[in-house]
């Protein structure tokens, strides 16, 4: 497995996260299809990030103000645009995962017809979908949201408050 991290500055109406980086995990797990989805679900669940859904990724820019998110790619491939319009584009394929801290804009820029991910969130966090600039309430929610206790992929305790800070 190879891990990449990068920070995204605010971009227009997309706030991104000035405190925590996006984490891209390459070649986390092998396999494909439902077996790989189940493996990602077990991995995330075991690290305190209960899986919530299986599907593609919206093709429009959005972010979450109430939760951090991890996506495990279990089928196909895609180019994701992170950080809002004109943001960083990253290619992902089955076996990869990406952790998006609260406020991080994301969308599927291009995707194969079979592209699918598992979505999971830290225990106790419920996601919302934001498609416009943050107001004071959303800013307060994101600022107050605690860092996850464990990394969703490595399971490292306190990883979000130390190891993965850029």
N, C-alpha and C. Protein backbone atom coordinates (compact mmCIF):
# COMPACT_ATOMS: atom_id res chain seq x y z
N UNK A 1 0.86 -1.18 0.00
CA UNK A 1 0.00 0.00 0.00
C UNK A 1 0.90 1.24 0.00
N UNK A 2 0.48 2.22 -0.74
CA UNK A 2 1.18 3.51 -0.80
C UNK A 2 0.18 4.59 -0.36
N UNK A 3 0.62 5.50 0.51
CA UNK A 3 -0.26 6.55 1.04
C UNK A 3 0.24 7.91 0.58
N UNK A 4 -0.69 8.71 0.05
CA UNK A 4 -0.39 10.09 -0.36
C UNK A 4 -1.29 11.01 0.45
N UNK A 5 -0.77 12.17 0.83
CA UNK A 5 -1.58 13.17 1.52
C UNK A 5 -1.37 14.52 0.85
N UNK A 6 -2.40 15.33 0.87
CA UNK A 6 -2.28 16.69 0.36
C UNK A 6 -3.37 17.55 0.98
N UNK A 7 -3.07 18.83 1.07
CA UNK A 7 -4.01 19.81 1.60
C UNK A 7 -4.70 20.53 0.45
N UNK A 8 -5.92 20.97 0.69
CA UNK A 8 -6.68 21.74 -0.28
C UNK A 8 -7.15 23.03 0.37
N UNK A 9 -6.82 24.14 -0.24
CA UNK A 9 -7.28 25.44 0.26
C UNK A 9 -8.72 25.67 -0.17
N UNK A 10 -9.40 26.58 0.50
CA UNK A 10 -10.75 26.94 0.10
C UNK A 10 -10.76 27.32 -1.38
N UNK A 11 -11.89 27.01 -2.05
CA UNK A 11 -11.98 27.22 -3.49
C UNK A 11 -13.39 27.69 -3.82
N UNK A 12 -13.57 28.99 -3.98
CA UNK A 12 -14.90 29.51 -4.26
C UNK A 12 -15.83 29.19 -3.10
N UNK A 13 -16.94 28.52 -3.40
CA UNK A 13 -17.92 28.20 -2.35
C UNK A 13 -17.57 26.92 -1.59
N UNK A 14 -16.54 26.20 -2.02
CA UNK A 14 -16.14 24.95 -1.36
C UNK A 14 -15.11 25.28 -0.28
N UNK A 15 -15.43 24.97 0.99
CA UNK A 15 -14.52 25.36 2.07
C UNK A 15 -13.23 24.53 2.14
N UNK A 16 -13.30 23.25 1.79
CA UNK A 16 -12.21 22.30 2.01
C UNK A 16 -11.85 22.28 3.48
N UNK A 17 -10.67 21.79 3.83
CA UNK A 17 -10.32 21.66 5.24
C UNK A 17 -8.91 22.18 5.44
N UNK A 18 -8.77 23.23 6.22
CA UNK A 18 -7.46 23.84 6.44
C UNK A 18 -6.66 23.12 7.51
N UNK A 19 -7.26 22.16 8.20
CA UNK A 19 -6.62 21.48 9.32
C UNK A 19 -6.14 20.08 8.98
N UNK A 20 -6.95 19.33 8.22
CA UNK A 20 -6.64 17.93 7.93
C UNK A 20 -6.48 17.71 6.44
N UNK A 21 -5.55 16.84 6.04
CA UNK A 21 -5.33 16.58 4.63
C UNK A 21 -6.30 15.53 4.08
N UNK A 22 -6.41 15.54 2.77
CA UNK A 22 -7.01 14.42 2.05
C UNK A 22 -5.96 13.31 2.09
N UNK A 23 -6.41 12.07 2.27
CA UNK A 23 -5.49 10.94 2.29
C UNK A 23 -5.91 9.97 1.19
N UNK A 24 -4.99 9.67 0.30
CA UNK A 24 -5.22 8.74 -0.80
C UNK A 24 -4.40 7.49 -0.54
N UNK A 25 -5.09 6.36 -0.45
CA UNK A 25 -4.46 5.08 -0.17
C UNK A 25 -4.49 4.26 -1.46
N UNK A 26 -3.32 3.91 -1.98
CA UNK A 26 -3.23 3.14 -3.22
C UNK A 26 -3.03 1.66 -2.90
N UNK A 27 -3.74 0.81 -3.63
CA UNK A 27 -3.58 -0.66 -3.52
C UNK A 27 -3.77 -1.16 -2.10
N UNK A 28 -4.88 -0.77 -1.48
CA UNK A 28 -5.18 -1.17 -0.11
C UNK A 28 -5.50 -2.66 -0.06
N UNK A 29 -6.39 -3.10 -0.94
CA UNK A 29 -6.86 -4.48 -0.95
C UNK A 29 -6.91 -4.99 -2.39
N UNK A 30 -6.83 -6.32 -2.53
CA UNK A 30 -6.96 -6.93 -3.84
C UNK A 30 -8.36 -7.50 -4.02
N UNK A 31 -8.62 -8.00 -5.20
CA UNK A 31 -9.92 -8.58 -5.50
C UNK A 31 -10.76 -7.62 -6.31
N UNK A 32 -12.02 -7.97 -6.42
CA UNK A 32 -12.94 -7.10 -7.17
C UNK A 32 -14.37 -7.41 -6.80
N UNK A 33 -15.26 -6.52 -7.18
CA UNK A 33 -16.69 -6.71 -7.00
C UNK A 33 -17.12 -6.82 -5.55
N UNK A 34 -18.16 -7.63 -5.33
CA UNK A 34 -18.76 -7.69 -4.00
C UNK A 34 -17.79 -8.22 -2.94
N UNK A 35 -16.88 -9.10 -3.31
CA UNK A 35 -15.90 -9.59 -2.33
C UNK A 35 -15.00 -8.45 -1.86
N UNK A 36 -14.60 -7.57 -2.79
CA UNK A 36 -13.78 -6.43 -2.42
C UNK A 36 -14.59 -5.42 -1.60
N UNK A 37 -15.85 -5.22 -1.97
CA UNK A 37 -16.72 -4.33 -1.19
C UNK A 37 -16.83 -4.83 0.24
N UNK A 38 -17.05 -6.12 0.41
CA UNK A 38 -17.16 -6.70 1.76
C UNK A 38 -15.85 -6.55 2.53
N UNK A 39 -14.72 -6.69 1.84
CA UNK A 39 -13.42 -6.53 2.51
C UNK A 39 -13.23 -5.09 2.97
N UNK A 40 -13.59 -4.11 2.13
CA UNK A 40 -13.51 -2.70 2.55
C UNK A 40 -14.45 -2.46 3.72
N UNK A 41 -15.66 -2.96 3.66
CA UNK A 41 -16.62 -2.76 4.75
C UNK A 41 -16.08 -3.31 6.06
N UNK A 42 -15.49 -4.50 6.03
CA UNK A 42 -14.92 -5.09 7.25
C UNK A 42 -13.74 -4.27 7.76
N UNK A 43 -12.89 -3.80 6.83
CA UNK A 43 -11.74 -2.99 7.22
C UNK A 43 -12.19 -1.70 7.89
N UNK A 44 -13.10 -0.98 7.25
CA UNK A 44 -13.57 0.28 7.80
C UNK A 44 -14.28 0.06 9.14
N UNK A 45 -15.17 -0.92 9.19
CA UNK A 45 -15.91 -1.22 10.42
C UNK A 45 -14.95 -1.53 11.57
N UNK A 46 -13.93 -2.30 11.28
CA UNK A 46 -12.95 -2.69 12.30
C UNK A 46 -12.16 -1.52 12.85
N UNK A 47 -12.15 -0.41 12.13
CA UNK A 47 -11.41 0.77 12.57
C UNK A 47 -12.32 1.90 13.03
N UNK A 48 -13.60 1.56 13.28
CA UNK A 48 -14.52 2.55 13.84
C UNK A 48 -15.19 3.45 12.81
N UNK A 49 -15.21 3.03 11.54
CA UNK A 49 -15.85 3.76 10.46
C UNK A 49 -16.92 2.84 9.86
N UNK A 50 -18.10 2.76 10.44
CA UNK A 50 -19.13 1.85 9.93
C UNK A 50 -19.50 2.17 8.48
N UNK A 51 -19.51 1.16 7.61
CA UNK A 51 -19.92 1.41 6.22
C UNK A 51 -21.40 1.79 6.17
N UNK A 52 -21.73 2.69 5.24
CA UNK A 52 -23.08 3.22 5.17
C UNK A 52 -23.77 2.93 3.84
N UNK A 53 -23.01 2.84 2.76
CA UNK A 53 -23.64 2.67 1.45
C UNK A 53 -22.63 2.13 0.43
N UNK A 54 -23.19 1.63 -0.67
CA UNK A 54 -22.41 1.24 -1.86
C UNK A 54 -23.07 1.92 -3.06
N UNK A 55 -22.28 2.58 -3.90
CA UNK A 55 -22.81 3.25 -5.08
C UNK A 55 -21.65 3.93 -5.79
N UNK A 56 -21.97 4.78 -6.76
CA UNK A 56 -20.97 5.62 -7.40
C UNK A 56 -20.80 6.89 -6.58
N UNK A 57 -20.08 7.85 -7.15
CA UNK A 57 -19.89 9.15 -6.52
C UNK A 57 -20.61 10.17 -7.39
N UNK A 58 -21.34 11.09 -6.77
CA UNK A 58 -22.06 12.11 -7.53
C UNK A 58 -21.13 12.80 -8.53
N UNK A 59 -21.69 13.21 -9.66
CA UNK A 59 -20.91 13.91 -10.67
C UNK A 59 -20.96 15.43 -10.49
N UNK A 60 -21.51 15.88 -9.39
CA UNK A 60 -21.54 17.31 -9.09
C UNK A 60 -20.72 17.58 -7.83
N UNK A 61 -20.17 18.78 -7.75
CA UNK A 61 -19.36 19.16 -6.59
C UNK A 61 -20.25 19.22 -5.35
N UNK A 62 -19.75 18.65 -4.27
CA UNK A 62 -20.43 18.70 -2.99
C UNK A 62 -19.40 18.45 -1.88
N UNK A 63 -19.80 18.71 -0.65
CA UNK A 63 -18.97 18.40 0.51
C UNK A 63 -19.90 18.06 1.67
N UNK A 64 -19.32 17.56 2.74
CA UNK A 64 -20.08 17.20 3.93
C UNK A 64 -19.64 18.09 5.10
N UNK A 65 -20.60 18.69 5.78
CA UNK A 65 -20.26 19.58 6.90
C UNK A 65 -20.44 18.88 8.25
N UNK A 66 -20.95 17.66 8.23
CA UNK A 66 -21.25 16.96 9.49
C UNK A 66 -20.47 15.67 9.67
N UNK A 67 -19.56 15.35 8.74
CA UNK A 67 -18.84 14.08 8.83
C UNK A 67 -17.59 14.10 7.97
N UNK A 68 -16.60 13.34 8.41
CA UNK A 68 -15.47 12.97 7.57
C UNK A 68 -15.96 11.76 6.77
N UNK A 69 -15.32 11.47 5.63
CA UNK A 69 -15.79 10.37 4.78
C UNK A 69 -14.60 9.58 4.26
N UNK A 70 -14.77 8.25 4.18
CA UNK A 70 -13.80 7.41 3.50
C UNK A 70 -14.54 6.64 2.41
N UNK A 71 -13.91 6.55 1.25
CA UNK A 71 -14.48 5.86 0.10
C UNK A 71 -13.53 4.75 -0.32
N UNK A 72 -14.03 3.52 -0.39
CA UNK A 72 -13.23 2.39 -0.84
C UNK A 72 -13.71 1.95 -2.21
N UNK A 73 -12.86 2.02 -3.21
CA UNK A 73 -13.23 1.67 -4.59
C UNK A 73 -13.21 0.16 -4.73
N UNK A 74 -14.38 -0.42 -5.06
CA UNK A 74 -14.44 -1.87 -5.21
C UNK A 74 -14.72 -2.33 -6.63
N UNK A 75 -14.97 -1.42 -7.54
CA UNK A 75 -15.17 -1.79 -8.94
C UNK A 75 -14.86 -0.61 -9.84
N UNK A 76 -14.27 -0.88 -10.99
CA UNK A 76 -14.04 0.13 -12.00
C UNK A 76 -12.94 1.11 -11.65
N UNK A 77 -13.01 2.25 -12.33
CA UNK A 77 -12.02 3.29 -12.13
C UNK A 77 -12.66 4.64 -12.41
N UNK A 78 -12.04 5.68 -11.87
CA UNK A 78 -12.58 7.03 -12.06
C UNK A 78 -11.49 8.06 -11.88
N UNK A 79 -11.77 9.24 -12.37
CA UNK A 79 -10.99 10.42 -12.05
C UNK A 79 -11.88 11.27 -11.16
N UNK A 80 -11.41 11.53 -9.95
CA UNK A 80 -12.15 12.37 -9.01
C UNK A 80 -11.58 13.78 -9.07
N UNK A 81 -12.45 14.77 -8.95
CA UNK A 81 -12.02 16.16 -8.84
C UNK A 81 -12.27 16.56 -7.40
N UNK A 82 -11.19 16.85 -6.69
CA UNK A 82 -11.24 17.15 -5.27
C UNK A 82 -10.94 18.63 -5.03
N UNK A 83 -11.70 19.23 -4.15
CA UNK A 83 -11.44 20.61 -3.77
C UNK A 83 -12.29 21.64 -4.46
N UNK A 84 -13.22 21.23 -5.32
CA UNK A 84 -14.09 22.17 -6.02
C UNK A 84 -13.68 22.31 -7.47
N UNK A 85 -14.37 23.20 -8.17
CA UNK A 85 -14.16 23.40 -9.60
C UNK A 85 -12.71 23.76 -9.89
N UNK A 86 -12.11 23.03 -10.83
CA UNK A 86 -10.71 23.25 -11.16
C UNK A 86 -9.76 22.71 -10.12
N UNK A 87 -10.27 21.87 -9.20
CA UNK A 87 -9.45 21.32 -8.12
C UNK A 87 -8.51 20.23 -8.59
N UNK A 88 -7.95 19.52 -7.64
CA UNK A 88 -6.98 18.46 -7.91
C UNK A 88 -7.71 17.23 -8.45
N UNK A 89 -7.24 16.72 -9.56
CA UNK A 89 -7.82 15.51 -10.14
C UNK A 89 -6.92 14.32 -9.81
N UNK A 90 -7.55 13.27 -9.30
CA UNK A 90 -6.82 12.05 -8.96
C UNK A 90 -7.53 10.85 -9.58
N UNK A 91 -6.75 9.95 -10.12
CA UNK A 91 -7.28 8.71 -10.67
C UNK A 91 -7.33 7.67 -9.56
N UNK A 92 -8.44 6.96 -9.48
CA UNK A 92 -8.59 5.87 -8.52
C UNK A 92 -9.09 4.63 -9.25
N UNK A 93 -8.75 3.47 -8.72
CA UNK A 93 -9.15 2.21 -9.31
C UNK A 93 -9.46 1.22 -8.20
N UNK A 94 -10.10 0.12 -8.56
CA UNK A 94 -10.48 -0.88 -7.56
C UNK A 94 -9.29 -1.23 -6.68
N UNK A 95 -9.53 -1.20 -5.38
CA UNK A 95 -8.49 -1.47 -4.39
C UNK A 95 -7.96 -0.22 -3.72
N UNK A 96 -8.25 0.97 -4.29
CA UNK A 96 -7.83 2.24 -3.69
C UNK A 96 -8.89 2.75 -2.72
N UNK A 97 -8.48 3.65 -1.84
CA UNK A 97 -9.41 4.33 -0.93
C UNK A 97 -8.99 5.78 -0.81
N UNK A 98 -9.93 6.63 -0.43
CA UNK A 98 -9.64 8.05 -0.22
C UNK A 98 -10.41 8.53 1.01
N UNK A 99 -9.70 9.24 1.91
CA UNK A 99 -10.33 9.81 3.10
C UNK A 99 -10.46 11.30 2.87
N UNK A 100 -11.69 11.80 2.99
CA UNK A 100 -12.01 13.21 2.77
C UNK A 100 -12.42 13.85 4.08
N UNK A 101 -11.60 14.74 4.63
CA UNK A 101 -12.03 15.40 5.86
C UNK A 101 -13.22 16.32 5.59
N UNK A 102 -13.98 16.57 6.62
CA UNK A 102 -15.17 17.42 6.49
C UNK A 102 -14.84 18.69 5.71
N UNK A 103 -15.76 19.10 4.85
CA UNK A 103 -15.59 20.31 4.06
C UNK A 103 -14.91 20.11 2.73
N UNK A 104 -14.36 18.93 2.48
CA UNK A 104 -13.62 18.68 1.25
C UNK A 104 -14.57 18.48 0.08
N UNK A 105 -14.47 19.35 -0.91
CA UNK A 105 -15.28 19.21 -2.12
C UNK A 105 -14.83 18.01 -2.92
N UNK A 106 -15.81 17.31 -3.51
CA UNK A 106 -15.47 16.16 -4.34
C UNK A 106 -16.59 15.85 -5.32
N UNK A 107 -16.19 15.22 -6.42
CA UNK A 107 -17.13 14.73 -7.42
C UNK A 107 -16.40 13.74 -8.31
N UNK A 108 -17.18 12.90 -9.00
CA UNK A 108 -16.62 12.02 -10.02
C UNK A 108 -16.54 12.85 -11.30
N UNK A 109 -15.34 13.14 -11.78
CA UNK A 109 -15.14 13.90 -13.00
C UNK A 109 -15.39 13.01 -14.22
N UNK A 110 -14.83 11.81 -14.17
CA UNK A 110 -15.04 10.77 -15.17
C UNK A 110 -15.08 9.45 -14.43
N UNK A 111 -15.88 8.51 -14.92
CA UNK A 111 -15.94 7.20 -14.26
C UNK A 111 -16.32 6.13 -15.28
N UNK A 112 -15.76 4.95 -15.09
CA UNK A 112 -16.15 3.81 -15.92
C UNK A 112 -17.59 3.43 -15.56
N UNK A 113 -18.25 2.75 -16.45
CA UNK A 113 -19.65 2.37 -16.21
C UNK A 113 -19.84 1.51 -14.97
N UNK A 114 -18.81 0.76 -14.60
CA UNK A 114 -18.92 -0.15 -13.46
C UNK A 114 -18.34 0.43 -12.16
N UNK A 115 -17.98 1.72 -12.15
CA UNK A 115 -17.35 2.34 -10.99
C UNK A 115 -18.28 2.31 -9.78
N UNK A 116 -17.77 1.78 -8.65
CA UNK A 116 -18.54 1.68 -7.41
C UNK A 116 -17.61 1.84 -6.21
N UNK A 117 -18.13 2.45 -5.15
CA UNK A 117 -17.37 2.63 -3.92
C UNK A 117 -18.23 2.23 -2.72
N UNK A 118 -17.56 1.95 -1.62
CA UNK A 118 -18.17 1.82 -0.30
C UNK A 118 -17.94 3.14 0.40
N UNK A 119 -18.98 3.74 0.98
CA UNK A 119 -18.86 4.97 1.75
C UNK A 119 -19.00 4.68 3.23
N UNK A 120 -18.11 5.24 4.05
CA UNK A 120 -18.16 5.03 5.50
C UNK A 120 -17.78 6.32 6.21
N UNK A 121 -18.23 6.42 7.48
CA UNK A 121 -18.05 7.63 8.28
C UNK A 121 -17.70 7.22 9.70
N UNK A 122 -16.96 8.05 10.43
CA UNK A 122 -16.64 7.70 11.81
C UNK A 122 -17.91 7.47 12.64
N UNK A 123 -17.80 6.56 13.59
CA UNK A 123 -18.94 6.27 14.47
C UNK A 123 -19.50 7.56 15.03
N UNK A 124 -20.82 7.69 15.00
CA UNK A 124 -21.50 8.85 15.57
C UNK A 124 -21.62 10.03 14.63
N UNK A 125 -21.06 9.94 13.42
CA UNK A 125 -21.16 11.04 12.47
C UNK A 125 -22.12 10.66 11.35
N UNK A 126 -23.06 11.53 11.05
CA UNK A 126 -24.03 11.32 9.98
C UNK A 126 -23.79 12.38 8.91
N UNK A 127 -23.72 11.96 7.67
CA UNK A 127 -23.37 12.88 6.58
C UNK A 127 -24.54 13.70 6.08
N UNK A 128 -24.21 14.84 5.55
CA UNK A 128 -25.15 15.71 4.86
C UNK A 128 -24.56 15.97 3.47
N UNK A 129 -25.27 16.66 2.63
CA UNK A 129 -24.75 17.04 1.31
C UNK A 129 -24.89 18.55 1.18
N UNK A 130 -23.76 19.23 1.00
CA UNK A 130 -23.75 20.67 0.83
C UNK A 130 -23.31 20.99 -0.59
N UNK A 131 -24.09 21.87 -1.25
CA UNK A 131 -23.81 22.24 -2.63
C UNK A 131 -23.71 23.75 -2.82
N UNK A 132 -23.53 24.46 -1.72
CA UNK A 132 -23.38 25.92 -1.80
C UNK A 132 -22.48 26.38 -0.67
N UNK A 133 -22.12 27.63 -0.69
CA UNK A 133 -21.20 28.19 0.30
C UNK A 133 -21.69 27.94 1.72
N UNK A 134 -20.73 27.79 2.61
CA UNK A 134 -21.07 27.54 4.00
C UNK A 134 -21.62 28.81 4.65
N UNK A 135 -22.54 28.61 5.56
CA UNK A 135 -22.99 29.71 6.39
C UNK A 135 -22.29 29.56 7.75
N UNK A 136 -22.59 30.44 8.67
CA UNK A 136 -21.93 30.38 9.98
C UNK A 136 -22.22 29.07 10.70
N UNK A 137 -23.44 28.55 10.56
CA UNK A 137 -23.79 27.30 11.23
C UNK A 137 -22.95 26.14 10.69
N UNK A 138 -22.80 26.06 9.38
CA UNK A 138 -21.99 24.99 8.78
C UNK A 138 -20.53 25.12 9.17
N UNK A 139 -20.02 26.35 9.19
CA UNK A 139 -18.64 26.57 9.61
C UNK A 139 -18.44 26.09 11.06
N UNK A 140 -19.41 26.39 11.91
CA UNK A 140 -19.32 25.98 13.31
C UNK A 140 -19.36 24.45 13.42
N UNK A 141 -20.23 23.80 12.64
CA UNK A 141 -20.30 22.33 12.66
C UNK A 141 -18.96 21.71 12.26
N UNK A 142 -18.38 22.21 11.19
CA UNK A 142 -17.12 21.65 10.72
C UNK A 142 -15.99 21.89 11.72
N UNK A 143 -15.96 23.08 12.30
CA UNK A 143 -14.92 23.40 13.27
C UNK A 143 -15.05 22.53 14.53
N UNK A 144 -16.27 22.24 14.94
CA UNK A 144 -16.51 21.46 16.16
C UNK A 144 -16.38 19.96 15.95
N UNK A 145 -16.40 19.50 14.71
CA UNK A 145 -16.35 18.06 14.44
C UNK A 145 -15.02 17.49 14.91
N UNK A 146 -15.06 16.48 15.77
CA UNK A 146 -13.79 15.93 16.27
C UNK A 146 -13.05 15.15 15.19
N UNK A 147 -11.73 15.12 15.32
CA UNK A 147 -10.93 14.27 14.45
C UNK A 147 -11.29 12.82 14.74
N UNK A 148 -11.28 11.98 13.72
CA UNK A 148 -11.56 10.55 13.96
C UNK A 148 -10.55 9.95 14.93
N UNK A 149 -11.00 8.99 15.72
CA UNK A 149 -10.12 8.34 16.69
C UNK A 149 -9.08 7.45 16.03
N UNK A 150 -9.48 6.84 14.90
CA UNK A 150 -8.58 5.91 14.21
C UNK A 150 -8.64 6.15 12.71
N UNK A 151 -7.51 5.91 12.08
CA UNK A 151 -7.45 5.98 10.63
C UNK A 151 -8.34 4.88 10.05
N UNK A 152 -9.16 5.18 9.02
CA UNK A 152 -10.10 4.19 8.50
C UNK A 152 -9.45 3.02 7.79
N UNK A 153 -8.23 3.19 7.31
CA UNK A 153 -7.56 2.13 6.55
C UNK A 153 -6.48 1.44 7.38
N UNK A 154 -5.61 2.20 8.01
CA UNK A 154 -4.51 1.59 8.77
C UNK A 154 -4.93 1.20 10.19
N UNK A 155 -5.96 1.85 10.70
CA UNK A 155 -6.40 1.59 12.06
C UNK A 155 -5.56 2.29 13.11
N UNK A 156 -4.56 3.04 12.67
CA UNK A 156 -3.68 3.71 13.62
C UNK A 156 -4.48 4.66 14.51
N UNK A 157 -4.33 4.50 15.81
CA UNK A 157 -5.02 5.37 16.76
C UNK A 157 -4.42 6.76 16.73
N UNK A 158 -5.28 7.77 16.71
CA UNK A 158 -4.83 9.15 16.71
C UNK A 158 -4.17 9.59 15.44
N UNK A 159 -4.28 8.79 14.38
CA UNK A 159 -3.59 9.11 13.13
C UNK A 159 -4.03 10.45 12.57
N UNK A 160 -5.28 10.79 12.72
CA UNK A 160 -5.77 12.03 12.14
C UNK A 160 -5.23 13.24 12.88
N UNK A 161 -4.78 13.08 14.10
CA UNK A 161 -4.26 14.21 14.86
C UNK A 161 -2.74 14.28 14.82
N UNK A 162 -2.09 13.34 14.19
CA UNK A 162 -0.63 13.36 14.16
C UNK A 162 -0.05 12.95 12.82
N UNK A 163 -0.01 11.67 12.56
CA UNK A 163 0.65 11.10 11.39
C UNK A 163 0.23 11.71 10.07
N UNK A 164 -1.04 11.99 9.88
CA UNK A 164 -1.49 12.47 8.60
C UNK A 164 -1.57 13.97 8.47
N UNK A 165 -1.17 14.71 9.48
CA UNK A 165 -1.13 16.16 9.32
C UNK A 165 0.04 16.50 8.39
N UNK A 166 -0.18 17.40 7.48
CA UNK A 166 0.88 17.81 6.55
C UNK A 166 1.77 18.85 7.21
